[in-house]
C-alpha atoms as a PDB file:
ATOM      1  CA  UNK A   1       2.279   3.900   8.332  1.00  0.00           C
ATOM      2  CA  UNK A   2      -0.730   4.366  10.577  1.00  0.00           C
ATOM      3  CA  UNK A   3      -4.099   3.652   8.976  1.00  0.00           C
ATOM      4  CA  UNK A   4      -5.327   7.160   9.804  1.00  0.00           C
ATOM      5  CA  UNK A   5      -2.498   8.631   7.707  1.00  0.00           C
ATOM      6  CA  UNK A   6      -3.284   6.225   4.851  1.00  0.00           C
ATOM      7  CA  UNK A   7      -6.949   7.276   4.941  1.00  0.00           C
ATOM      8  CA  UNK A   8      -5.934  10.937   5.036  1.00  0.00           C
ATOM      9  CA  UNK A   9      -3.779  10.509   1.910  1.00  0.00           C
ATOM     10  CA  UNK A  10      -6.585   8.648   0.144  1.00  0.00           C
ATOM     11  CA  UNK A  11      -9.196  11.217   1.095  1.00  0.00           C
ATOM     12  CA  UNK A  12      -6.988  14.077  -0.095  1.00  0.00           C
ATOM     13  CA  UNK A  13      -6.907  12.360  -3.501  1.00  0.00           C
ATOM     14  CA  UNK A  14     -10.648  11.793  -3.627  1.00  0.00           C
ATOM     15  CA  UNK A  15     -10.438   8.046  -3.030  1.00  0.00           C
ATOM     16  CA  UNK A  16     -13.331   6.514  -1.111  1.00  0.00           C
ATOM     17  CA  UNK A  17     -12.055   4.328   1.712  1.00  0.00           C
ATOM     18  CA  UNK A  18     -15.311   2.995   3.169  1.00  0.00           C
ATOM     19  CA  UNK A  19     -15.135  -0.700   4.025  1.00  0.00           C
ATOM     20  CA  UNK A  20     -11.601  -1.111   2.654  1.00  0.00           C
ATOM     21  CA  UNK A  21      -8.697  -2.738   4.428  1.00  0.00           C
ATOM     22  CA  UNK A  22      -5.414  -0.847   4.706  1.00  0.00           C
ATOM     23  CA  UNK A  23      -3.771  -2.786   1.885  1.00  0.00           C
ATOM     24  CA  UNK A  24      -6.760  -2.106  -0.382  1.00  0.00           C
ATOM     25  CA  UNK A  25      -6.604   1.633   0.323  1.00  0.00           C
ATOM     26  CA  UNK A  26      -2.886   1.693  -0.423  1.00  0.00           C
ATOM     27  CA  UNK A  27      -3.399  -0.193  -3.689  1.00  0.00           C
ATOM     28  CA  UNK A  28      -6.129   2.296  -4.657  1.00  0.00           C
ATOM     29  CA  UNK A  29      -3.714   5.163  -3.968  1.00  0.00           C
ATOM     30  CA  UNK A  30      -1.024   3.458  -6.049  1.00  0.00           C
ATOM     31  CA  UNK A  31      -3.427   3.085  -8.976  1.00  0.00           C
ATOM     32  CA  UNK A  32      -4.581   6.704  -8.680  1.00  0.00           C
ATOM     33  CA  UNK A  33      -0.923   7.755  -8.859  1.00  0.00           C
ATOM     34  CA  UNK A  34      -0.522   5.768 -12.082  1.00  0.00           C
ATOM     35  CA  UNK A  35       1.658   3.135 -10.441  1.00  0.00           C
ATOM     36  CA  UNK A  36       1.313  -0.617 -10.170  1.00  0.00           C
ATOM     37  CA  UNK A  37      -0.931  -1.747  -7.321  1.00  0.00           C
ATOM     38  CA  UNK A  38       1.807  -3.980  -5.972  1.00  0.00           C
ATOM     39  CA  UNK A  39       1.619  -3.251  -2.231  1.00  0.00           C
ATOM     40  CA  UNK A  40       2.488  -6.307  -0.109  1.00  0.00           C
ATOM     41  CA  UNK A  41       3.537  -8.453  -3.071  1.00  0.00           C
ATOM     42  CA  UNK A  42       7.322  -8.183  -2.647  1.00  0.00           C
ATOM     43  CA  UNK A  43       7.599 -11.377  -0.640  1.00  0.00           C
ATOM     44  CA  UNK A  44      11.172 -11.936  -1.788  1.00  0.00           C
ATOM     45  CA  UNK A  45      12.226  -8.608  -0.255  1.00  0.00           C
ATOM     46  CA  UNK A  46      13.048  -7.027  -3.599  1.00  0.00           C
ATOM     47  CA  UNK A  47      11.381  -4.078  -5.268  1.00  0.00           C
ATOM     48  CA  UNK A  48      12.382  -1.741  -8.072  1.00  0.00           C
ATOM     49  CA  UNK A  49      10.164   1.081  -6.794  1.00  0.00           C
ATOM     50  CA  UNK A  50      12.778   2.690  -4.528  1.00  0.00           C
ATOM     51  CA  UNK A  51      10.846   5.962  -4.140  1.00  0.00           C
ATOM     52  CA  UNK A  52       7.614   4.277  -3.078  1.00  0.00           C
ATOM     53  CA  UNK A  53       5.997   5.773   0.004  1.00  0.00           C
ATOM     54  CA  UNK A  54       4.876   2.313   1.142  1.00  0.00           C
ATOM     55  CA  UNK A  55       8.169   0.421   0.719  1.00  0.00           C
ATOM     56  CA  UNK A  56       8.905  -0.207   4.408  1.00  0.00           C
ATOM     57  CA  UNK A  57       5.388  -1.365   5.217  1.00  0.00           C
ATOM     58  CA  UNK A  58       5.212  -3.357   1.997  1.00  0.00           C
ATOM     59  CA  UNK A  59       8.029  -5.742   2.867  1.00  0.00           C
ATOM     60  CA  UNK A  60       6.732  -6.280   6.388  1.00  0.00           C
ATOM     61  CA  UNK A  61       3.161  -7.015   5.273  1.00  0.00           C
ATOM     62  CA  UNK A  62       4.301  -9.210   2.377  1.00  0.00           C
ATOM     63  CA  UNK A  63       6.337 -11.319   4.796  1.00  0.00           C
ATOM     64  CA  UNK A  64       3.373 -11.619   7.190  1.00  0.00           C
ATOM     65  CA  UNK A  65       1.013 -12.597   4.386  1.00  0.00           C
ATOM     66  CA  UNK A  66       3.445 -15.206   3.082  1.00  0.00           C
ATOM     67  CA  UNK A  67       3.592 -16.808   6.545  1.00  0.00           C
ATOM     68  CA  UNK A  68      -0.186 -17.332   6.585  1.00  0.00           C
END
């Protein structure tokens, strides 16, 4: 998801996004929703949160972060 869309979602929920990276904004949104702030931690490609808005991005970012 484009960062502008992520910021838009955060702003609509009253979450301040100043000086935050994309993954930090997403984790803040997850927490505000009452969910685990697990974005980009599914490095094994498995997740039990099938309805998560971030699922597609999550796997991709987790894989990239693991390669670092």
